[in-house]
Amino acid sequence: MSRTHSSRMSLSCERSSNRIVSGPPLTRFSARSPTAPRIAAGCYLWSTRGITVSTRTEPVDPCENARASAEIARSRSPRSPACTDFKYIGDVKRIGDLALRIMIVGERILPFRHAGDKNFWLDMIRRLLQAGHEVEALSVDIEATPGDGLPIRHVPQIPIYFRPDARFNAEHSQFGGVNNYVSKTTNVPIILREVRRRQRTFRADVIHFADNFGPATVVLRAISRKVPLTLSAPTYHRNRPLYDAMLLASFSSFAVIVPFSEAYRRRLLELGFPSGRIRRIRWGIDISRFSPPTDDKRAAARASLGLERGKFVVLWTGFTQQTNETDLQEAIRIATLTLERRPLEFIFCFKPEHFKPQFRNFERPGIRVVNAPEVFRSACTAADVFLCPIQDPRSIAAPPLVWPELLAMGIPILTTDTPGTDEAVVDGESGFAVRSSEEARGRLLEIEADSALQRRLRDGARKIAVERFSVDRAMDEYVDMWSALVAQSR
């Protein structure tokens, strides 16, 4: 049987967002050939210290968004649309030239961008296909969504309305019904059955779970004896009894756990989890898609929001991972304290599934509450600072995916001093981490009054996003991990 890179490899996506272009299917690879090439024909690899580059047999034009050496330099070849250049700071290990079959299992993996954390896996799937790997994603969701040319298969999800997630409003209660341990446990047998069924056809080399479905995943051991299993661990939130014991039980079937932050990796070591089964890989974004807006775009966004010229804009959005109404109340308190001193503009943007009519009661001069996606996009373009307090000291932040997206746009972050936040918020460089609402007010007033500090934070925010949160770097690290596991299993 051969690895067939079928029409799903010939994706046609917008150039500015995904950098996947239309083209013929890639070369067919042997199903178990240890030397199957990962790079498309027409590309030749070599590696120098600190830089991994590729050359082609035909000249190419550089991508218009290419930056300095700190950024990813990417280009396209009319002959080899799947060939991509990467250029990073520091030494990056070149992964083996092996084409892998990768199965990805997770909740709500959709073929389009949406207000959820699976946008990272959407970018990953597209890049894995572009790099010559075969991918099949199992999207555990209440409703089936057409794959739109991507290899995404629906797995039915059963909501259980026992202690549902209270952050979701009545119109979107089904999401609250699946975001709890009871629902996740109920769905594990369904997921296991579908993974086994698809494995007979797809024959994955490795199976990665993008979500933790709880201790019931111990039943996956029947699969893990034959194929390596890996698991993403974005956040840690010890908000219930026996959390740590249940967490470790949920990890037992997986060869490697992938925490998204150093703080989470350290916590796993404290809990006695074997270091050899931990691989910290930060998630990432397409840093060419998220870039600092021009002055004209900022002016247009501010005009669409009815903001006067020169107004200092603070953005809050929710709910992100690990944030809830307690964190919202703290953000409102910070805004109120700040407005007592200076007339800044605070825009609170809610996801449609989280917005509740009573949130309108927060509105007053200087505080605006919105829940329309187009207003959120304008607010992101107009924002000077992103405010995101996290009150629960038991949390370890991933950080939320919206953080690197906004950092890449040059928007610094003001948050609380919670474990994991320092992955994205370097004090004085890409934002500030504070310990009280009064300190937060002081930082906002300091930034608003100092244009030089604003410029430094904008530049620093972009720099941190590029250096730490590139989806291309994440993909290379995942493939490196998966390749090693596959080699060990043979």
Protein backbone atom coordinates (compact mmCIF):
# COMPACT_ATOMS: atom_id res chain seq x y z
CA MET A 1 0.00 0.00 0.00
CA SER A 2 1.38 3.43 -0.83
CA ARG A 3 1.03 6.76 0.88
CA THR A 4 -1.18 8.68 -1.50
CA HIS A 5 -1.19 12.41 -1.23
CA SER A 6 -4.61 12.93 -2.73
CA SER A 7 -6.62 15.98 -3.64
CA ARG A 8 -6.82 17.01 0.00
CA MET A 9 -3.19 18.08 -0.40
CA SER A 10 -4.18 20.47 -3.16
CA LEU A 11 -5.71 23.08 -0.94
CA SER A 12 -6.62 26.51 -2.18
CA CYS A 13 -6.43 29.01 0.63
CA GLU A 14 -6.04 32.74 0.87
CA ARG A 15 -2.42 33.66 0.38
CA SER A 16 -2.28 36.13 3.24
CA SER A 17 -3.51 33.77 5.93
CA ASN A 18 -2.35 30.23 5.35
CA ARG A 19 0.35 30.29 2.69
CA ILE A 20 -1.06 27.11 1.15
CA VAL A 21 -1.40 27.33 -2.58
CA SER A 22 -3.11 25.26 -5.23
CA GLY A 23 -0.99 22.67 -6.91
CA PRO A 24 -0.73 19.05 -8.00
CA PRO A 25 -0.65 16.22 -5.49
CA LEU A 26 2.74 15.50 -3.99
CA THR A 27 4.91 12.50 -4.75
CA ARG A 28 3.62 9.09 -3.57
CA PHE A 29 5.60 7.61 -0.69
CA SER A 30 6.08 4.05 0.45
CA ALA A 31 3.91 3.24 3.46
CA ARG A 32 6.75 2.04 5.64
CA SER A 33 9.83 3.26 3.85
CA PRO A 34 12.31 4.64 6.40
CA THR A 35 13.72 6.95 3.76
CA ALA A 36 10.51 8.44 2.43
CA PRO A 37 11.28 12.09 1.63
CA ARG A 38 9.43 14.71 3.62
CA ILE A 39 10.34 17.60 1.35
CA ALA A 40 8.67 17.98 -2.04
CA ALA A 41 10.56 17.41 -5.26
CA GLY A 42 12.62 20.35 -6.38
CA CYS A 43 13.87 21.21 -2.88
CA TYR A 44 17.27 20.40 -1.44
CA LEU A 45 18.09 20.76 2.23
CA TRP A 46 21.23 21.69 4.04
CA SER A 47 21.80 22.94 7.56
CA THR A 48 24.17 25.52 8.94
CA ARG A 49 24.60 26.46 12.58
CA GLY A 50 21.48 28.25 13.70
CA ILE A 51 19.80 28.30 10.29
CA THR A 52 17.99 25.60 8.37
CA VAL A 53 17.32 26.55 4.79
CA SER A 54 16.28 24.97 1.54
CA THR A 55 17.05 25.79 -2.01
CA ARG A 56 15.14 25.00 -5.19
CA THR A 57 15.95 24.28 -8.74
CA GLU A 58 13.98 27.38 -9.75
CA PRO A 59 14.18 30.96 -8.44
CA VAL A 60 11.42 32.26 -6.20
CA ASP A 61 10.25 35.63 -5.00
CA PRO A 62 10.45 36.29 -1.25
CA CYS A 63 7.22 36.56 0.73
CA GLU A 64 6.14 40.15 1.11
CA ASN A 65 5.83 39.72 4.88
CA ALA A 66 9.38 38.47 5.41
CA ARG A 67 11.10 40.33 8.22
CA ALA A 68 14.61 40.38 9.68
CA SER A 69 16.38 37.21 10.80
CA ALA A 70 14.21 37.03 13.89
CA GLU A 71 11.19 36.32 11.70
CA ILE A 72 10.24 33.39 9.53
CA ALA A 73 11.39 33.86 5.96
CA ARG A 74 9.04 32.03 3.66
CA SER A 75 8.78 31.80 -0.09
CA ARG A 76 6.88 29.92 -2.77
CA SER A 77 7.98 27.94 -5.80
CA PRO A 78 5.70 27.52 -8.78
CA ARG A 79 7.11 24.03 -9.22
CA SER A 80 6.93 22.89 -5.60
CA PRO A 81 4.05 24.54 -3.75
CA ALA A 82 4.61 22.38 -0.69
CA CYS A 83 8.19 23.52 -0.22
CA THR A 84 8.71 26.10 2.53
CA ASP A 85 11.75 27.90 3.90
CA PHE A 86 12.19 28.36 7.65
CA LYS A 87 14.67 30.63 9.33
CA TYR A 88 14.86 30.92 13.10
CA ILE A 89 16.98 32.49 15.78
CA GLY A 90 19.29 29.98 17.46
CA ASP A 91 19.97 26.35 16.76
CA VAL A 92 17.00 24.39 15.47
CA LYS A 93 17.35 20.63 15.13
CA ARG A 94 16.48 19.44 11.61
CA ILE A 95 13.90 16.67 11.80
CA GLY A 96 14.36 13.51 9.80
CA ASP A 97 13.12 13.43 6.23
CA LEU A 98 10.26 11.02 7.03
CA ALA A 99 6.68 11.31 5.91
CA LEU A 100 4.37 10.45 8.80
CA ARG A 101 0.75 9.43 9.07
CA ILE A 102 -0.66 11.49 11.94
CA MET A 103 -4.11 11.17 13.49
CA ILE A 104 -5.23 14.18 15.56
CA VAL A 105 -8.17 13.86 17.96
CA GLY A 106 -9.77 16.89 19.58
CA GLU A 107 -12.91 18.86 20.26
CA ARG A 108 -14.26 21.22 17.60
CA ILE A 109 -11.45 20.99 15.06
CA LEU A 110 -13.10 23.06 12.35
CA PRO A 111 -11.95 23.78 8.76
CA PHE A 112 -12.17 27.53 9.34
CA ARG A 113 -11.00 30.02 11.93
CA HIS A 114 -13.35 30.54 14.86
CA ALA A 115 -13.38 31.87 18.41
CA GLY A 116 -11.65 28.84 19.89
CA ASP A 117 -8.23 27.41 20.64
CA LYS A 118 -8.36 24.91 17.74
CA ASN A 119 -7.19 27.59 15.32
CA PHE A 120 -3.72 26.40 16.29
CA TRP A 121 -4.50 22.88 15.13
CA LEU A 122 -6.10 24.17 11.95
CA ASP A 123 -2.81 25.90 11.13
CA MET A 124 -0.89 22.77 12.16
CA ILE A 125 -2.95 20.47 9.93
CA ARG A 126 -2.46 22.71 6.91
CA ARG A 127 1.28 22.93 7.48
CA LEU A 128 1.68 19.20 8.09
CA LEU A 129 -0.06 18.50 4.79
CA GLN A 130 2.03 21.13 3.09
CA ALA A 131 5.21 19.51 4.46
CA GLY A 132 4.31 16.14 2.93
CA HIS A 133 2.75 14.34 5.89
CA GLU A 134 -0.62 12.60 5.86
CA VAL A 135 -3.11 13.80 8.44
CA GLU A 136 -6.53 12.72 9.57
CA ALA A 137 -8.32 14.77 12.22
CA LEU A 138 -11.22 13.44 14.30
CA SER A 139 -13.33 16.39 15.42
CA VAL A 140 -15.37 15.56 18.51
CA ASP A 141 -18.31 17.93 18.20
CA ILE A 142 -22.03 18.17 18.77
CA GLU A 143 -22.73 19.02 15.15
CA ALA A 144 -21.00 17.81 12.01
CA THR A 145 -19.22 20.43 9.91
CA PRO A 146 -18.19 19.79 6.28
CA GLY A 147 -14.42 19.35 6.02
CA ASP A 148 -14.10 21.90 3.22
CA GLY A 149 -11.33 19.89 1.56
CA LEU A 150 -9.45 19.18 4.79
CA PRO A 151 -9.17 15.62 6.18
CA ILE A 152 -11.47 16.28 9.16
CA ARG A 153 -13.99 13.63 10.25
CA HIS A 154 -16.83 14.20 12.68
CA VAL A 155 -17.16 12.19 15.90
CA PRO A 156 -20.53 12.75 17.65
CA GLN A 157 -20.37 14.34 21.08
CA ILE A 158 -22.93 13.86 23.85
CA PRO A 159 -23.58 16.87 26.12
CA ILE A 160 -24.29 16.09 29.78
CA TYR A 161 -25.91 18.93 31.69
CA PHE A 162 -24.45 18.02 35.07
CA ARG A 163 -22.52 20.99 36.43
CA PRO A 164 -22.27 22.58 32.97
CA ASP A 165 -19.76 25.35 32.31
CA ALA A 166 -21.59 28.45 33.61
CA ARG A 167 -19.65 30.78 31.34
CA PHE A 168 -21.85 29.84 28.37
CA ASN A 169 -25.15 31.63 27.84
CA ALA A 170 -28.53 29.97 27.30
CA GLU A 171 -28.29 30.15 23.50
CA HIS A 172 -25.03 28.19 23.58
CA SER A 173 -25.72 25.91 26.55
CA GLN A 174 -24.71 22.86 24.52
CA PHE A 175 -21.08 23.99 24.77
CA GLY A 176 -21.37 24.18 28.53
CA GLY A 177 -22.84 20.69 28.46
CA VAL A 178 -19.72 19.17 26.91
CA ASN A 179 -17.12 21.16 28.84
CA ASN A 180 -17.28 19.02 32.00
CA TYR A 181 -15.78 15.75 33.23
CA VAL A 182 -19.03 13.79 33.04
CA SER A 183 -19.53 14.58 29.36
CA LYS A 184 -15.88 13.92 28.52
CA THR A 185 -16.00 10.55 30.29
CA THR A 186 -19.23 9.61 28.52
CA ASN A 187 -17.69 10.40 25.15
CA VAL A 188 -14.47 8.38 25.60
CA PRO A 189 -16.00 5.04 24.42
CA ILE A 190 -17.35 6.80 21.32
CA ILE A 191 -13.93 8.30 20.61
CA LEU A 192 -12.16 4.97 21.21
CA ARG A 193 -14.49 3.16 18.82
CA GLU A 194 -13.97 5.76 16.09
CA VAL A 195 -10.18 5.84 16.55
CA ARG A 196 -10.04 2.05 16.20
CA ARG A 197 -12.29 2.12 13.14
CA ARG A 198 -10.27 4.81 11.37
CA GLN A 199 -6.97 3.22 12.37
CA ARG A 200 -7.86 0.09 10.40
CA THR A 201 -8.07 2.24 7.27
CA PHE A 202 -5.68 5.13 7.89
CA ARG A 203 -2.98 3.16 9.77
CA ALA A 204 -1.56 6.16 11.61
CA ASP A 205 2.08 6.13 12.73
CA VAL A 206 1.17 8.27 15.74
CA ILE A 207 -2.08 9.45 17.33
CA HIS A 208 -2.16 12.83 19.03
CA PHE A 209 -4.92 14.01 21.35
CA ALA A 210 -5.35 17.78 21.27
CA ASP A 211 -7.67 17.60 24.31
CA ASN A 212 -7.63 15.72 27.60
CA PHE A 213 -10.78 13.62 27.93
CA GLY A 214 -10.09 12.69 31.54
CA PRO A 215 -9.12 9.53 33.46
CA ALA A 216 -11.41 7.37 31.32
CA THR A 217 -8.76 7.56 28.60
CA VAL A 218 -7.04 4.70 30.43
CA VAL A 219 -8.97 2.50 27.96
CA LEU A 220 -6.67 3.85 25.23
CA ARG A 221 -3.93 1.51 26.46
CA ALA A 222 -5.28 -1.08 24.05
CA ILE A 223 -4.24 1.25 21.23
CA SER A 224 -1.04 2.57 22.78
CA ARG A 225 0.57 -0.89 22.67
CA LYS A 226 0.53 -0.71 18.87
CA VAL A 227 0.95 2.98 18.05
CA PRO A 228 2.45 5.86 20.08
CA LEU A 229 -0.07 8.21 21.70
CA THR A 230 0.73 11.80 22.64
CA LEU A 231 -1.36 14.43 24.41
CA SER A 232 -1.46 18.22 24.52
CA ALA A 233 -1.68 19.77 27.99
CA PRO A 234 -2.35 23.49 27.47
CA THR A 235 -3.48 24.57 30.93
CA TYR A 236 -3.44 23.49 34.56
CA HIS A 237 -6.35 24.55 36.75
CA ARG A 238 -6.52 22.83 40.15
CA ASN A 239 -10.06 23.96 40.92
CA ARG A 240 -11.58 20.74 42.32
CA PRO A 241 -10.72 17.95 44.79
CA LEU A 242 -8.45 15.16 43.54
CA TYR A 243 -7.51 17.28 40.51
CA ASP A 244 -3.87 16.18 40.50
CA ALA A 245 -4.71 12.48 40.95
CA MET A 246 -7.24 12.58 38.11
CA LEU A 247 -4.81 14.51 35.94
CA LEU A 248 -2.06 11.93 36.34
CA ALA A 249 -4.54 9.11 35.71
CA SER A 250 -5.63 10.79 32.48
CA PHE A 251 -1.98 10.85 31.34
CA SER A 252 -1.29 7.16 31.97
CA SER A 253 -1.95 5.87 28.42
CA PHE A 254 0.20 8.43 26.63
CA ALA A 255 3.84 8.04 25.68
CA VAL A 256 4.53 11.78 25.88
CA ILE A 257 2.64 14.68 27.45
CA VAL A 258 3.10 18.08 25.80
CA PRO A 259 2.66 20.98 28.24
CA PHE A 260 2.49 24.37 26.54
CA SER A 261 4.55 26.22 29.16
CA GLU A 262 7.65 25.75 31.28
CA ALA A 263 5.57 26.41 34.40
CA TYR A 264 3.30 23.45 33.59
CA ARG A 265 6.31 21.25 32.83
CA ARG A 266 7.78 22.08 36.24
CA ARG A 267 4.45 21.32 37.91
CA LEU A 268 4.34 17.88 36.29
CA LEU A 269 7.84 17.18 37.60
CA GLU A 270 6.72 18.25 41.09
CA LEU A 271 3.87 15.74 40.82
CA GLY A 272 6.38 12.99 40.07
CA PHE A 273 5.59 12.58 36.40
CA PRO A 274 8.60 11.04 34.57
CA SER A 275 10.71 13.71 32.89
CA GLY A 276 11.31 11.45 29.89
CA ARG A 277 7.61 11.54 29.08
CA ILE A 278 7.36 15.34 29.08
CA ARG A 279 8.10 17.53 26.05
CA ARG A 280 7.32 21.23 26.38
CA ILE A 281 6.16 22.66 23.06
CA ARG A 282 4.54 26.07 22.99
CA TRP A 283 1.62 26.46 20.67
CA GLY A 284 1.88 29.13 18.03
CA ILE A 285 0.33 31.30 15.38
CA ASP A 286 0.95 32.30 11.80
CA ILE A 287 3.04 35.36 12.56
CA SER A 288 2.68 36.65 9.01
CA ARG A 289 -1.11 36.62 9.35
CA PHE A 290 -1.01 38.55 12.62
CA SER A 291 1.15 41.62 12.10
CA PRO A 292 1.15 45.18 13.44
CA PRO A 293 -1.49 47.29 11.67
CA THR A 294 -0.45 50.34 9.72
CA ASP A 295 -1.28 53.81 10.99
CA ASP A 296 -3.98 54.08 8.34
CA LYS A 297 -5.60 50.81 9.44
CA ARG A 298 -5.50 51.88 13.07
CA ALA A 299 -7.09 55.20 12.20
CA ALA A 300 -9.82 53.49 10.17
CA ALA A 301 -10.54 51.03 13.00
CA ARG A 302 -10.79 53.83 15.53
CA ALA A 303 -13.10 55.78 13.25
CA SER A 304 -15.37 52.74 12.86
CA LEU A 305 -15.59 52.53 16.66
CA GLY A 306 -16.35 56.23 16.97
CA LEU A 307 -13.17 56.94 18.93
CA GLU A 308 -11.64 60.36 18.94
CA ARG A 309 -8.13 60.76 17.61
CA GLY A 310 -5.43 60.09 20.19
CA LYS A 311 -7.68 58.16 22.59
CA PHE A 312 -5.79 55.45 24.51
CA VAL A 313 -7.64 52.14 24.02
CA VAL A 314 -7.56 49.17 26.41
CA LEU A 315 -9.02 45.86 25.16
CA TRP A 316 -10.42 42.98 27.18
CA THR A 317 -11.89 39.81 25.66
CA GLY A 318 -13.44 36.70 27.11
CA PHE A 319 -13.75 34.25 28.16
CA THR A 320 -10.34 32.78 27.46
CA GLN A 321 -9.01 29.59 29.03
CA GLN A 322 -9.08 29.74 32.83
CA THR A 323 -10.87 33.09 32.97
CA ASN A 324 -14.40 33.54 34.25
CA GLU A 325 -16.71 36.18 35.67
CA THR A 326 -14.41 36.70 38.67
CA ASP A 327 -11.67 37.80 36.29
CA LEU A 328 -14.16 39.96 34.40
CA GLN A 329 -15.12 41.70 37.64
CA GLU A 330 -11.43 42.39 38.34
CA ALA A 331 -10.97 43.87 34.86
CA ILE A 332 -14.00 46.12 35.43
CA ARG A 333 -12.53 47.21 38.76
CA ILE A 334 -9.21 48.08 37.10
CA ALA A 335 -11.06 50.06 34.42
CA THR A 336 -13.12 51.93 37.03
CA LEU A 337 -10.04 52.83 39.08
CA THR A 338 -8.20 54.03 35.98
CA LEU A 339 -11.09 56.16 34.74
CA GLU A 340 -11.10 57.99 38.07
CA ARG A 341 -7.69 59.38 37.08
CA ARG A 342 -7.78 59.67 33.28
CA PRO A 343 -10.36 59.30 30.45
CA LEU A 344 -9.09 56.16 28.72
CA GLU A 345 -11.35 53.95 26.58
CA PHE A 346 -11.99 50.36 27.73
CA ILE A 347 -13.62 47.97 25.26
CA PHE A 348 -14.92 44.68 26.66
CA CYS A 349 -15.43 42.20 23.81
CA PHE A 350 -17.38 39.03 24.54
CA LYS A 351 -17.55 35.93 22.41
CA PRO A 352 -21.17 35.39 21.30
CA GLU A 353 -21.39 32.17 23.33
CA HIS A 354 -20.30 33.97 26.52
CA PHE A 355 -22.23 37.22 26.26
CA LYS A 356 -25.10 37.73 28.71
CA PRO A 357 -27.49 40.71 28.67
CA GLN A 358 -26.59 41.68 32.25
CA PHE A 359 -23.05 42.46 31.11
CA ARG A 360 -24.48 45.64 29.58
CA ASN A 361 -24.78 46.95 33.14
CA PHE A 362 -21.01 47.47 33.15
CA GLU A 363 -21.28 50.20 30.53
CA ARG A 364 -20.56 53.79 31.51
CA PRO A 365 -18.49 56.62 30.04
CA GLY A 366 -15.15 55.06 29.12
CA ILE A 367 -16.38 51.43 29.32
CA ARG A 368 -17.97 49.84 26.27
CA VAL A 369 -19.42 46.30 26.11
CA VAL A 370 -19.68 44.58 22.70
CA ASN A 371 -20.30 41.06 21.41
CA ALA A 372 -20.05 41.33 17.62
CA PRO A 373 -17.07 39.63 15.90
CA GLU A 374 -16.52 42.55 13.50
CA VAL A 375 -16.31 44.97 16.44
CA PHE A 376 -13.76 42.70 18.10
CA ARG A 377 -11.59 42.81 14.97
CA SER A 378 -11.76 46.60 14.90
CA ALA A 379 -10.99 46.78 18.62
CA CYS A 380 -7.90 44.58 18.15
CA THR A 381 -6.65 46.88 15.41
CA ALA A 382 -7.32 49.98 17.51
CA ALA A 383 -6.02 48.70 20.86
CA ASP A 384 -2.97 50.06 22.66
CA VAL A 385 -2.97 47.49 25.50
CA PHE A 386 -4.65 44.15 26.16
CA LEU A 387 -5.95 43.72 29.72
CA CYS A 388 -6.33 40.13 30.98
CA PRO A 389 -6.24 39.58 34.75
CA ILE A 390 -6.25 35.94 35.96
CA GLN A 391 -7.30 35.78 39.59
CA ASP A 392 -7.02 32.11 40.50
CA PRO A 393 -3.50 31.49 41.89
CA ARG A 394 -3.95 27.74 41.32
CA SER A 395 -3.92 28.28 37.56
CA ILE A 396 -1.02 27.84 35.19
CA ALA A 397 -1.59 29.77 31.98
CA ALA A 398 -0.88 28.28 28.54
CA PRO A 399 -0.99 31.31 27.80
CA PRO A 400 -4.31 31.70 25.92
CA LEU A 401 -3.93 31.63 22.13
CA VAL A 402 -5.28 35.17 21.82
CA TRP A 403 -2.20 36.40 23.69
CA PRO A 404 0.40 35.56 21.00
CA GLU A 405 -2.07 36.72 18.34
CA LEU A 406 -2.28 40.16 19.92
CA LEU A 407 1.44 40.25 20.74
CA ALA A 408 2.18 39.61 17.07
CA MET A 409 0.02 42.64 16.26
CA GLY A 410 2.24 44.72 18.54
CA ILE A 411 -0.24 44.91 21.42
CA PRO A 412 1.39 44.54 24.86
CA ILE A 413 -0.40 42.65 27.63
CA LEU A 414 -1.22 43.70 31.17
CA THR A 415 -2.00 40.66 33.31
CA THR A 416 -1.58 39.36 36.83
CA ASP A 417 1.47 37.56 38.15
CA THR A 418 0.22 33.99 37.60
CA PRO A 419 2.43 30.97 36.75
CA GLY A 420 2.91 30.65 33.01
CA THR A 421 2.14 34.25 32.10
CA ASP A 422 5.85 35.02 31.87
CA GLU A 423 5.99 32.80 28.76
CA ALA A 424 4.39 35.69 26.86
CA VAL A 425 4.57 38.70 29.15
CA VAL A 426 8.16 39.73 29.77
CA ASP A 427 7.96 42.55 32.29
CA GLY A 428 8.78 45.87 30.67
CA GLU A 429 9.34 44.29 27.26
CA SER A 430 6.03 42.87 26.04
CA GLY A 431 3.82 44.09 28.87
CA PHE A 432 3.56 43.93 32.65
CA ALA A 433 2.44 41.39 35.26
CA VAL A 434 0.92 43.03 38.35
CA ARG A 435 -0.23 41.88 41.78
CA SER A 436 -3.16 44.21 42.45
CA SER A 437 -5.77 46.31 40.68
CA GLU A 438 -4.10 49.45 41.99
CA GLU A 439 -0.78 48.40 40.45
CA ALA A 440 -2.61 47.64 37.20
CA ARG A 441 -4.08 51.14 37.20
CA GLY A 442 -0.62 52.60 37.74
CA ARG A 443 0.83 50.64 34.82
CA LEU A 444 -1.97 51.70 32.47
CA LEU A 445 -1.50 55.35 33.38
CA GLU A 446 2.27 54.99 32.97
CA ILE A 447 1.95 53.49 29.49
CA GLU A 448 -0.67 56.02 28.38
CA ALA A 449 1.53 58.95 29.41
CA ASP A 450 4.79 57.72 27.82
CA SER A 451 4.86 57.46 24.02
CA ALA A 452 8.42 56.08 24.07
CA LEU A 453 7.30 53.28 26.41
CA GLN A 454 4.38 52.55 24.08
CA ARG A 455 6.75 52.12 21.13
CA ARG A 456 9.12 49.93 23.12
CA LEU A 457 6.29 47.68 24.30
CA ARG A 458 4.85 47.39 20.78
CA ASP A 459 8.22 46.33 19.40
CA GLY A 460 8.82 43.98 22.31
CA ALA A 461 5.40 42.37 21.96
CA ARG A 462 6.03 41.57 18.31
CA LYS A 463 9.51 40.26 19.09
CA ILE A 464 8.24 37.85 21.77
CA ALA A 465 5.53 36.51 19.45
CA VAL A 466 8.01 35.90 16.65
CA GLU A 467 10.65 34.28 18.83
CA ARG A 468 8.40 32.10 21.01
CA PHE A 469 5.04 31.52 19.34
CA SER A 470 5.58 30.59 15.70
CA VAL A 471 3.32 27.77 14.51
CA ASP A 472 6.07 26.71 12.10
CA ARG A 473 8.49 26.19 14.97
CA ALA A 474 5.79 24.28 16.86
CA MET A 475 5.19 22.03 13.86
CA ASP A 476 8.88 21.16 13.57
CA GLU A 477 9.06 20.33 17.28
CA TYR A 478 5.95 18.14 17.13
CA VAL A 479 7.21 16.27 14.06
CA ASP A 480 10.60 15.82 15.74
CA MET A 481 8.87 14.28 18.77
CA TRP A 482 6.56 12.08 16.70
CA SER A 483 9.39 10.90 14.44
CA ALA A 484 11.44 9.80 17.46
CA LEU A 485 8.48 7.91 18.93
CA VAL A 486 7.75 6.17 15.63
CA ALA A 487 11.41 5.18 15.28
CA GLN A 488 11.38 3.72 18.81
CA SER A 489 8.20 1.75 18.14
CA ARG A 490 9.59 -0.06 15.09
